[in-house]
Protein backbone atom coordinates (compact mmCIF):
# COMPACT_ATOMS: atom_id res chain seq x y z
CA UNK A 1 0.10 0.04 -0.07
CA UNK A 2 1.16 3.65 -0.82
CA UNK A 3 2.21 5.76 2.23
CA UNK A 4 1.79 9.36 1.54
CA UNK A 5 4.90 11.36 2.53
CA UNK A 6 4.50 14.04 4.94
CA UNK A 7 5.25 17.62 3.56
CA UNK A 8 7.97 18.70 6.52
CA UNK A 9 9.10 22.12 5.69
CA UNK A 10 11.41 22.60 8.69
CA UNK A 11 14.91 22.91 7.89
CA UNK A 12 18.39 21.46 9.85
CA UNK A 13 18.13 23.34 12.85
CA UNK A 14 20.50 21.33 14.87
CA UNK A 15 23.89 22.57 15.73
CA UNK A 16 27.25 20.82 15.27
CA UNK A 17 27.35 20.30 19.06
CA UNK A 18 23.80 18.57 19.13
CA UNK A 19 24.97 16.29 16.11
CA UNK A 20 28.19 15.25 17.64
CA UNK A 21 26.14 14.29 20.90
CA UNK A 22 23.58 12.52 19.00
CA UNK A 23 25.98 10.59 17.57
CA UNK A 24 27.97 9.79 20.40
CA UNK A 25 24.90 8.71 22.56
CA UNK A 26 24.10 6.44 19.56
CA UNK A 27 26.84 4.80 19.03
CA UNK A 28 27.88 4.25 22.30
CA UNK A 29 30.78 1.56 23.35
CA UNK A 30 34.04 2.00 21.99
CA UNK A 31 33.04 5.25 20.04
CA UNK A 32 31.49 7.04 23.22
CA UNK A 33 34.77 5.90 25.23
CA UNK A 34 37.14 7.31 22.74
CA UNK A 35 35.31 10.40 21.68
CA UNK A 36 34.63 12.93 24.36
CA UNK A 37 31.05 14.40 25.21
CA UNK A 38 30.66 17.94 23.21
CA UNK A 39 30.20 21.33 24.92
CA UNK A 40 30.65 23.78 22.06
CA UNK A 41 34.23 24.94 23.36
CA UNK A 42 37.35 25.21 20.41
CA UNK A 43 39.41 23.04 22.29
CA UNK A 44 36.96 20.14 23.04
CA UNK A 45 35.64 20.63 19.26
CA UNK A 46 39.31 19.59 18.00
CA UNK A 47 39.83 16.95 20.79
CA UNK A 48 36.87 15.50 19.01
CA UNK A 49 38.15 16.08 15.49
CA UNK A 50 41.46 14.51 16.44
CA UNK A 51 39.82 11.31 17.97
CA UNK A 52 37.68 10.67 15.09
CA UNK A 53 39.87 11.61 12.22
CA UNK A 54 42.68 9.43 13.54
CA UNK A 55 41.38 6.10 14.14
CA UNK A 56 39.85 4.89 11.41
CA UNK A 57 37.11 2.35 13.06
CA UNK A 58 35.75 5.41 14.60
CA UNK A 59 36.05 7.58 11.70
CA UNK A 60 33.83 4.88 9.72
CA UNK A 61 31.31 4.89 12.35
CA UNK A 62 31.25 8.78 12.52
CA UNK A 63 30.90 9.18 8.59
CA UNK A 64 28.24 6.04 8.64
CA UNK A 65 26.28 8.09 11.42
CA UNK A 66 26.52 11.33 9.57
CA UNK A 67 25.35 9.19 6.26
CA UNK A 68 22.07 8.01 8.26
CA UNK A 69 21.12 11.17 9.59
CA UNK A 70 21.44 12.69 6.05
CA UNK A 71 19.21 10.08 5.00
CA UNK A 72 16.48 10.51 7.57
CA UNK A 73 16.56 14.26 6.47
CA UNK A 74 16.35 13.54 2.71
CA UNK A 75 13.27 11.00 3.35
CA UNK A 76 11.20 14.02 5.25
CA UNK A 77 12.56 17.12 3.27
CA UNK A 78 10.44 18.86 0.97
CA UNK A 79 12.22 20.65 -1.97
CA UNK A 80 11.70 22.91 -4.66
CA UNK A 81 9.94 20.75 -7.05
CA UNK A 82 6.61 21.97 -7.07
CA UNK A 83 5.26 19.01 -8.93
CA UNK A 84 6.00 16.94 -6.14
CA UNK A 85 2.58 17.00 -4.52
CA UNK A 86 1.58 14.83 -7.42
CA UNK A 87 3.46 12.00 -5.71
CA UNK A 88 1.34 9.28 -4.73
CA UNK A 89 3.85 8.29 -1.75
CA UNK A 90 6.04 5.06 -1.25
CA UNK A 91 5.28 1.71 -2.28
CA UNK A 92 6.58 -0.55 0.42
CA UNK A 93 6.28 -4.07 -1.11
CA UNK A 94 6.21 -5.10 -4.80
CA UNK A 95 7.22 -3.95 -8.14
CA UNK A 96 4.12 -3.58 -9.94
CA UNK A 97 1.65 -0.77 -9.23
CA UNK A 98 -1.99 -1.90 -10.45
CA UNK A 99 -4.33 0.73 -11.09
CA UNK A 100 -8.09 0.46 -11.82
CA UNK A 101 -11.16 2.57 -12.84
CA UNK A 102 -14.71 1.25 -12.54
CA UNK A 103 -17.10 2.77 -15.11
CA UNK A 104 -20.50 3.65 -13.74
CA UNK A 105 -23.52 1.24 -14.14
CA UNK A 106 -26.23 1.69 -16.40
CA UNK A 107 -29.98 2.39 -15.28
CA UNK A 108 -32.72 -0.06 -15.76
CA UNK A 109 -36.46 0.83 -16.49
CA UNK A 110 -38.78 -0.47 -13.53
CA UNK A 111 -41.27 -3.06 -14.75
CA UNK A 112 -43.14 -4.67 -11.76
CA UNK A 113 -43.69 -7.47 -14.07
CA UNK A 114 -40.40 -8.58 -14.67
CA UNK A 115 -39.42 -11.82 -14.00
CA UNK A 116 -37.01 -12.93 -11.25
CA UNK A 117 -34.33 -14.06 -13.83
CA UNK A 118 -34.43 -10.31 -15.23
CA UNK A 119 -34.15 -8.80 -11.61
CA UNK A 120 -31.16 -10.91 -10.52
CA UNK A 121 -29.00 -10.69 -13.51
CA UNK A 122 -25.95 -9.32 -12.63
CA UNK A 123 -24.75 -6.38 -14.54
CA UNK A 124 -21.33 -6.81 -15.08
CA UNK A 125 -19.02 -3.47 -14.01
CA UNK A 126 -16.84 -2.25 -16.68
CA UNK A 127 -13.57 -1.88 -15.26
CA UNK A 128 -10.35 -0.69 -16.69
CA UNK A 129 -6.70 -1.24 -15.42
CA UNK A 130 -3.57 -0.02 -15.97
CA UNK A 131 -0.22 -1.52 -15.00
CA UNK A 132 2.89 0.61 -13.83
CA UNK A 133 6.44 -0.81 -13.25
CA UNK A 134 9.50 0.39 -11.66
CA UNK A 135 11.27 2.12 -14.18
CA UNK A 136 13.63 4.56 -12.53
CA UNK A 137 16.53 3.33 -10.62
CA UNK A 138 19.44 5.53 -9.87
CA UNK A 139 22.02 6.57 -7.60
CA UNK A 140 23.90 9.38 -6.68
CA UNK A 141 27.83 9.04 -5.58
CA UNK A 142 28.87 11.58 -3.04
CA UNK A 143 32.48 11.99 -2.14
CA UNK A 144 33.77 13.58 1.15
CA UNK A 145 37.78 13.99 1.23
CA UNK A 146 39.65 13.75 4.53
CA UNK A 147 40.23 17.51 4.14
CA UNK A 148 36.36 18.39 4.29
CA UNK A 149 36.25 15.98 7.50
CA UNK A 150 39.13 17.79 9.17
CA UNK A 151 37.56 21.15 8.15
CA UNK A 152 34.19 20.64 10.12
CA UNK A 153 36.12 20.35 13.28
CA UNK A 154 37.58 23.65 13.02
CA UNK A 155 35.02 26.33 13.77
CA UNK A 156 31.84 26.03 15.47
CA UNK A 157 29.25 25.06 12.66
CA UNK A 158 31.75 23.09 10.94
CA UNK A 159 30.06 19.39 11.23
CA UNK A 160 26.52 20.99 10.61
CA UNK A 161 27.75 22.45 7.58
CA UNK A 162 29.16 19.10 6.72
CA UNK A 163 25.81 17.35 6.96
CA UNK A 164 24.05 20.17 5.19
CA UNK A 165 26.44 19.49 2.13
CA UNK A 166 25.75 15.84 2.54
CA UNK A 167 22.28 16.54 2.33
CA UNK A 168 22.01 19.35 -0.60
CA UNK A 169 24.20 17.71 -2.83
CA UNK A 170 21.92 14.52 -2.85
CA UNK A 171 18.72 16.05 -2.53
CA UNK A 172 19.28 18.64 -5.03
CA UNK A 173 20.04 16.03 -7.63
CA UNK A 174 17.51 13.79 -7.27
CA UNK A 175 14.78 16.20 -6.60
CA UNK A 176 15.99 18.03 -10.11
CA UNK A 177 16.03 14.72 -12.06
CA UNK A 178 12.58 13.70 -10.39
CA UNK A 179 11.22 17.00 -12.13
CA UNK A 180 12.57 16.64 -15.26
CA UNK A 181 11.22 13.28 -15.41
CA UNK A 182 7.76 14.53 -14.67
CA UNK A 183 8.05 16.80 -16.97
CA UNK A 184 8.81 14.49 -19.88
CA UNK A 185 6.18 12.39 -19.28
CA UNK A 186 3.75 15.42 -19.36
CA UNK A 187 5.54 16.32 -22.71
CA UNK A 188 5.45 13.02 -24.18
CA UNK A 189 1.84 12.55 -23.43
CA UNK A 190 1.00 16.01 -25.24
CA UNK A 191 2.95 15.19 -28.75
CA UNK A 192 1.97 11.67 -28.72
CA UNK A 193 -1.84 13.01 -28.93
CA UNK A 194 -2.84 11.71 -25.07
CA UNK A 195 -3.90 15.46 -24.05
CA UNK A 196 -6.65 17.56 -24.96
CA UNK A 197 -4.94 20.60 -26.86
CA UNK A 198 -6.78 23.99 -26.95
CA UNK A 199 -5.71 26.89 -29.24
CA UNK A 200 -5.27 30.03 -27.73
CA UNK A 201 -3.74 33.55 -29.14
CA UNK A 202 -0.11 34.36 -27.97
CA UNK A 203 -0.76 35.64 -24.38
CA UNK A 204 -0.32 39.55 -23.69
CA UNK A 205 -1.42 41.73 -21.15
CA UNK A 206 -4.35 42.97 -23.68
CA UNK A 207 -5.86 39.39 -23.98
CA UNK A 208 -4.91 37.77 -20.63
CA UNK A 209 -8.53 37.88 -19.28
CA UNK A 210 -9.71 36.29 -22.36
CA UNK A 211 -7.29 33.32 -21.84
CA UNK A 212 -8.39 33.39 -18.12
CA UNK A 213 -11.94 32.84 -19.56
CA UNK A 214 -10.97 29.85 -21.39
CA UNK A 215 -9.29 28.41 -18.26
CA UNK A 216 -12.48 28.67 -16.37
CA UNK A 217 -14.95 27.39 -18.72
CA UNK A 218 -12.74 24.53 -18.95
CA UNK A 219 -12.30 24.17 -15.40
CA UNK A 220 -16.19 24.37 -15.20
CA UNK A 221 -16.46 21.83 -18.00
CA UNK A 222 -14.53 19.34 -15.89
CA UNK A 223 -17.24 19.54 -13.11
CA UNK A 224 -19.44 17.33 -15.16
CA UNK A 225 -19.24 13.72 -16.20
CA UNK A 226 -17.16 13.37 -19.45
CA UNK A 227 -15.17 11.00 -21.81
CA UNK A 228 -13.36 14.03 -23.26
CA UNK A 229 -10.57 14.75 -20.77
CA UNK A 230 -8.95 11.49 -19.92
CA UNK A 231 -6.67 9.23 -22.72
CA UNK A 232 -8.91 6.06 -21.43
CA UNK A 233 -12.15 7.92 -22.57
CA UNK A 234 -13.63 6.55 -19.21
CA UNK A 235 -16.54 9.10 -17.85
CA UNK A 236 -15.42 10.65 -15.15
CA UNK A 237 -15.43 14.23 -13.38
CA UNK A 238 -12.22 16.47 -12.07
CA UNK A 239 -13.50 18.63 -9.27
CA UNK A 240 -11.51 21.77 -8.92
CA UNK A 241 -9.76 20.68 -5.90
CA UNK A 242 -7.98 18.28 -7.96
CA UNK A 243 -7.46 20.42 -10.80
CA UNK A 244 -3.83 22.35 -11.41
CA UNK A 245 -3.28 25.21 -13.55
CA UNK A 246 0.28 24.99 -14.79
CA UNK A 247 2.13 28.16 -16.30
CA UNK A 248 5.64 29.52 -17.27
CA UNK A 249 7.03 32.50 -15.46
CA UNK A 250 6.08 34.39 -18.60
CA UNK A 251 2.32 33.24 -18.47
CA UNK A 252 1.79 33.61 -15.00
CA UNK A 253 3.29 37.17 -14.88
CA UNK A 254 0.79 38.53 -17.54
CA UNK A 255 -2.23 36.27 -16.39
CA UNK A 256 -4.70 37.85 -13.96
CA UNK A 257 -4.15 35.77 -10.69
CA UNK A 258 -6.97 37.49 -8.97
CA UNK A 259 -9.71 36.26 -11.86
CA UNK A 260 -8.37 32.67 -11.72
CA UNK A 261 -8.27 32.57 -8.10
CA UNK A 262 -11.68 34.07 -7.39
CA UNK A 263 -13.08 31.49 -9.70
CA UNK A 264 -11.71 28.46 -7.98
CA UNK A 265 -13.08 30.40 -4.80
CA UNK A 266 -9.77 30.74 -3.40
CA UNK A 267 -7.48 33.31 -1.88
CA UNK A 268 -4.38 34.13 -2.89
CA UNK A 269 -2.57 31.81 -0.61
CA UNK A 270 -4.61 29.03 -1.29
CA UNK A 271 -4.08 29.69 -5.26
CA UNK A 272 -0.83 29.18 -4.90
CA UNK A 273 -1.59 25.12 -3.75
CA UNK A 274 -3.39 25.14 -7.33
CA UNK A 275 -1.36 26.79 -9.51
CA UNK A 276 2.26 25.12 -10.37
CA UNK A 277 4.71 26.74 -12.63
CA UNK A 278 7.05 24.90 -15.42
CA UNK A 279 10.07 26.50 -16.98
CA UNK A 280 9.31 24.76 -20.27
CA UNK A 281 8.64 21.58 -22.16
CA UNK A 282 11.71 21.07 -24.06
CA UNK A 283 14.63 20.03 -22.77
CA UNK A 284 18.10 21.51 -23.04
CA UNK A 285 21.07 19.26 -24.61
CA UNK A 286 22.31 18.98 -20.75
CA UNK A 287 18.66 17.93 -19.62
CA UNK A 288 18.52 15.14 -22.57
CA UNK A 289 22.20 13.76 -21.27
CA UNK A 290 20.79 13.42 -17.78
CA UNK A 291 17.49 11.73 -18.94
CA UNK A 292 18.99 9.24 -20.92
CA UNK A 293 21.33 8.37 -17.65
CA UNK A 294 17.88 8.07 -15.98
CA UNK A 295 15.83 6.14 -18.66
CA UNK A 296 18.06 3.92 -20.67
CA UNK A 297 14.91 1.90 -21.66
CA UNK A 298 14.72 3.37 -25.69
CA UNK A 299 11.33 1.95 -25.81
CA UNK A 300 10.04 4.32 -22.89
CA UNK A 301 11.90 7.61 -23.44
CA UNK A 302 13.14 9.07 -26.43
CA UNK A 303 14.43 12.71 -27.59
CA UNK A 304 11.52 14.89 -29.13
CA UNK A 305 11.96 15.46 -33.04
CA UNK A 306 12.75 18.80 -33.97
CA UNK A 307 8.98 19.18 -35.02
CA UNK A 308 7.74 17.89 -31.65
CA UNK A 309 10.03 20.54 -29.83
CA UNK A 310 8.61 23.31 -32.07
CA UNK A 311 5.00 22.60 -31.05
CA UNK A 312 5.78 21.76 -27.32
CA UNK A 313 7.44 25.68 -27.21
CA UNK A 314 3.99 27.12 -28.17
CA UNK A 315 2.67 25.63 -24.93
CA UNK A 316 2.89 28.10 -21.87
CA UNK A 317 -0.08 27.09 -19.80
CA UNK A 318 -1.41 23.40 -18.93
CA UNK A 319 -4.31 21.94 -16.88
CA UNK A 320 -3.59 18.42 -14.95
CA UNK A 321 -5.22 16.59 -12.48
CA UNK A 322 -3.40 15.80 -9.54
CA UNK A 323 -3.58 11.89 -10.29
CA UNK A 324 -2.55 11.98 -13.74
CA UNK A 325 1.29 11.26 -12.93
CA UNK A 326 2.21 7.92 -10.97
CA UNK A 327 5.17 8.19 -9.28
CA UNK A 328 5.72 6.20 -6.16
CA UNK A 329 9.03 6.02 -4.39
CA UNK A 330 10.04 2.22 -4.04
CA UNK A 331 13.51 2.42 -2.35
CA UNK A 332 15.21 5.05 -0.66
CA UNK A 333 18.46 3.69 0.63
CA UNK A 334 22.08 4.85 1.32
CA UNK A 335 25.41 3.21 1.57
CA UNK A 336 28.87 4.61 2.79
CA UNK A 337 32.64 3.13 2.47
CA UNK A 338 36.05 4.39 2.99
CA UNK A 339 38.34 4.03 -0.15
CA UNK A 340 41.89 3.83 1.75
CA UNK A 341 43.71 4.89 -1.56
CA UNK A 342 42.08 7.89 -2.10
CA UNK A 343 41.64 9.02 1.75
CA UNK A 344 38.26 9.49 0.37
CA UNK A 345 35.02 8.73 2.33
CA UNK A 346 32.10 7.98 -0.37
CA UNK A 347 28.15 8.03 -0.10
CA UNK A 348 25.91 6.38 -2.32
CA UNK A 349 22.08 7.60 -2.11
CA UNK A 350 19.93 5.29 -3.99
CA UNK A 351 16.31 6.17 -5.36
CA UNK A 352 14.08 3.69 -7.38
CA UNK A 353 10.51 4.62 -8.26
CA UNK A 354 7.80 3.93 -10.34
CA UNK A 355 7.96 6.85 -12.83
CA UNK A 356 4.53 6.92 -14.97
CA UNK A 357 1.14 8.53 -15.79
CA UNK A 358 -2.39 7.64 -15.41
CA UNK A 359 -4.54 7.33 -18.59
CA UNK A 360 -7.54 8.04 -16.52
CA UNK A 361 -6.15 11.35 -15.40
CA UNK A 362 -6.96 14.65 -16.95
CA UNK A 363 -3.96 16.65 -19.12
CA UNK A 364 -4.96 19.82 -21.17
CA UNK A 365 -2.23 22.17 -23.13
CA UNK A 366 -3.02 25.23 -24.47
CA UNK A 367 -1.05 26.10 -27.25
CA UNK A 368 -0.34 28.73 -29.83
CA UNK A 369 -0.39 26.32 -32.81
CA UNK A 370 -3.41 25.51 -35.38
CA UNK A 371 -4.27 21.56 -34.75
CA UNK A 372 -5.09 19.96 -38.41
CA UNK A 373 -5.78 16.63 -39.53
CA UNK A 374 -4.49 15.89 -42.94
CA UNK A 375 -5.95 12.29 -43.17
CA UNK A 376 -7.22 9.38 -42.04
CA UNK A 377 -6.40 5.79 -43.43
CA UNK A 378 -8.40 2.71 -42.39
CA UNK A 379 -6.65 -0.99 -42.64
CA UNK A 380 -7.93 -2.83 -44.50
CA UNK A 381 -9.38 -0.23 -47.39
CA UNK A 382 -11.82 -3.55 -48.29
CA UNK A 383 -13.15 -6.88 -47.39
CA UNK A 384 -14.64 -9.22 -49.55
CA UNK A 385 -16.53 -12.65 -49.10
CA UNK A 386 -16.97 -11.61 -45.42
CA UNK A 387 -19.28 -14.54 -43.31
CA UNK A 388 -22.12 -13.66 -41.46
CA UNK A 389 -21.73 -14.39 -37.72
CA UNK A 390 -18.13 -13.80 -37.56
CA UNK A 391 -16.19 -10.53 -36.36
CA UNK A 392 -13.45 -8.49 -38.23
CA UNK A 393 -10.86 -6.07 -37.19
CA UNK A 394 -10.41 -2.46 -38.37
CA UNK A 395 -7.47 0.17 -37.53
CA UNK A 396 -7.61 3.68 -38.28
CA UNK A 397 -4.65 5.95 -38.45
CA UNK A 398 -4.83 9.71 -38.13
CA UNK A 399 -2.08 11.85 -39.45
CA UNK A 400 -1.72 15.67 -39.08
CA UNK A 401 0.10 18.25 -36.91
CA UNK A 402 2.00 17.28 -33.79
CA UNK A 403 -0.20 16.58 -30.88
CA UNK A 404 -3.64 15.98 -32.45
CA UNK A 405 -5.74 13.58 -31.11
CA UNK A 406 -5.33 10.67 -32.97
CA UNK A 407 -8.34 8.61 -32.12
CA UNK A 408 -11.44 8.24 -34.42
CA UNK A 409 -15.29 7.61 -34.31
CA UNK A 410 -16.44 4.13 -36.01
CA UNK A 411 -19.40 3.94 -37.88
CA UNK A 412 -21.26 1.40 -40.05
CA UNK A 413 -23.94 2.26 -42.89
CA UNK A 414 -25.69 -0.33 -45.27
CA UNK A 415 -26.70 -2.69 -42.83
CA UNK A 416 -30.20 -4.23 -42.43
CA UNK A 417 -30.18 -6.22 -39.36
CA UNK A 418 -29.88 -4.04 -36.16
CA UNK A 419 -27.89 -6.78 -34.39
CA UNK A 420 -24.66 -5.89 -37.05
CA UNK A 421 -22.58 -3.61 -35.48
CA UNK A 422 -19.25 -1.90 -34.92
CA UNK A 423 -17.39 -1.42 -31.32
CA UNK A 424 -15.61 1.90 -30.34
CA UNK A 425 -12.72 -0.33 -31.03
CA UNK A 426 -13.14 -0.73 -34.80
CA UNK A 427 -14.37 -4.48 -34.24
CA UNK A 428 -17.05 -5.20 -36.95
CA UNK A 429 -19.57 -7.95 -36.23
CA UNK A 430 -21.99 -9.11 -38.90
CA UNK A 431 -25.31 -10.64 -37.59
CA UNK A 432 -26.35 -14.07 -38.85
CA UNK A 433 -29.78 -12.59 -40.29
CA UNK A 434 -27.89 -9.87 -41.84
CA UNK A 435 -28.76 -9.89 -45.67
CA UNK A 436 -27.20 -6.39 -46.92
CA UNK A 437 -24.85 -7.19 -50.05
CA UNK A 438 -22.37 -4.20 -48.83
CA UNK A 439 -21.86 -2.76 -45.69
CA UNK A 440 -19.73 0.50 -45.25
CA UNK A 441 -17.39 1.20 -42.30
CA UNK A 442 -16.55 4.94 -41.39
CA UNK A 443 -13.92 6.01 -39.17
CA UNK A 444 -14.08 9.80 -38.20
CA UNK A 445 -11.05 11.54 -36.95
CA UNK A 446 -12.07 13.35 -33.11
CA UNK A 447 -9.71 15.75 -33.54
CA UNK A 448 -11.83 18.02 -36.15
CA UNK A 449 -14.98 15.83 -36.43
CA UNK A 450 -14.91 16.13 -40.10
CA UNK A 451 -12.12 14.35 -41.71
CA UNK A 452 -12.98 10.36 -42.34
CA UNK A 453 -12.40 7.58 -44.45
CA UNK A 454 -14.56 4.65 -45.53
CA UNK A 455 -13.95 1.13 -46.26
CA UNK A 456 -16.42 -1.69 -47.93
CA UNK A 457 -17.47 -5.12 -46.69
CA UNK A 458 -18.80 -6.91 -49.34
CA UNK A 459 -20.61 -10.33 -47.76
CA UNK A 460 -20.39 -13.59 -49.00
């Protein structure tokens, strides 16, 4: 079961004296015998430093405790990644997270004359599910030299600074990479057609209120049941308490924050929890290189094409549900070791995660690009000698601008039997009592609702 992490905003407040005595009390035994109690004086601090640095066993125990303290603080600390609130917590066991969505059930017309078989017939609920796997396994190697260790005992806050440095190096690196991965998942969803794209004009101070009205209209629409705002096409709502509005700093600067906050019935402070920021969707070359280390699986991660980058640069505002990202910590551990030949102490900070997205979550991007469909193709283009009582699978491909909705609506015409149908996935069923000679299958692009392609089915 996932455990939601607490968001402790406290910073490291213990003094060097507190840290030294806490380590001494925790280790006890030979360490406590060799290392004096810290009292904060310069002479005492130097005696402690000599005792620790001069004995390899004591030194390793001390550094190991620094490592343990640093890991504890890293686990509970909040960082600058504004999207971290979307994390689901920690999955303590297993390597697969199963996500299920149960559709609402159909109503039935009351009939007092109906038989028991009809009343007790089981309406099997429609359950959609998605599986998410551990795909993010990183570690960060942090060296501490003997010089840094000696320096920690040379002034009053030295040990405190050493520990803070250890924490910040690991935490900043990990949280930065986590943000890059989250941002990539969102951008990949957009270019692959798994997000709703809304066209807007380039945002200026003159039209900022108009853009705010567009956001508000969609936000209100999300309160109602719809299949339009999630990639799985399930029927659901996204109440305002579950919505994020995500902007670039430039878009935020010209946007009317008061109008948006009032629409969400929030004050400015509360609005800060709904409104998030992102710098850009297109990674820099350095960021691409980092992500290639994070995600070696080329089936999951790949660089954006130049056309995809051009499109992503047209987006400065997004809306996302808090459950869109599926991010779960699975391993947070650390190790330390002394490398004798280099006189260095090394820390390894390991962080494994499920880094994915929910097909049931909402993602809307506001783009200044025009979204156009160029063609729809159907495979197969025709079927002859089709037998009654059988099913046949059709597929459709939609081409056009980057980010377009590539789904289609399937239709048939020319059938005579009410039992002949095509389902939402393009599976055509010809009823045994069908007497039509030819049936036409039609796929209509959902992006514009007009571009279409047909295929003919000739019955045997």
